[in-house]
Amino acid sequence: MTLAGIGRSVAERIVEYRRTHGPFRTAEDVRKVEGVSAAMWERNRDRIVVK
């Protein structure tokens, strides 16, 4: 899946954050990742699902 405004470096930070902290519990947890701005979150919030 591709998310608007999220390039390779932020994607790698998301994966590393998950490795370090475990699975995301809510979609909002993605906002804790360095580099995920409020604008990026707003553009993609309907596409992010945590199971």
Foldseek 3Di string as FASTA:
>chain_A
DDAPPDDDVQVVQLVVCCVVPNFDPAQCVSVVGPPCDPVSCVRCVVPDDGD
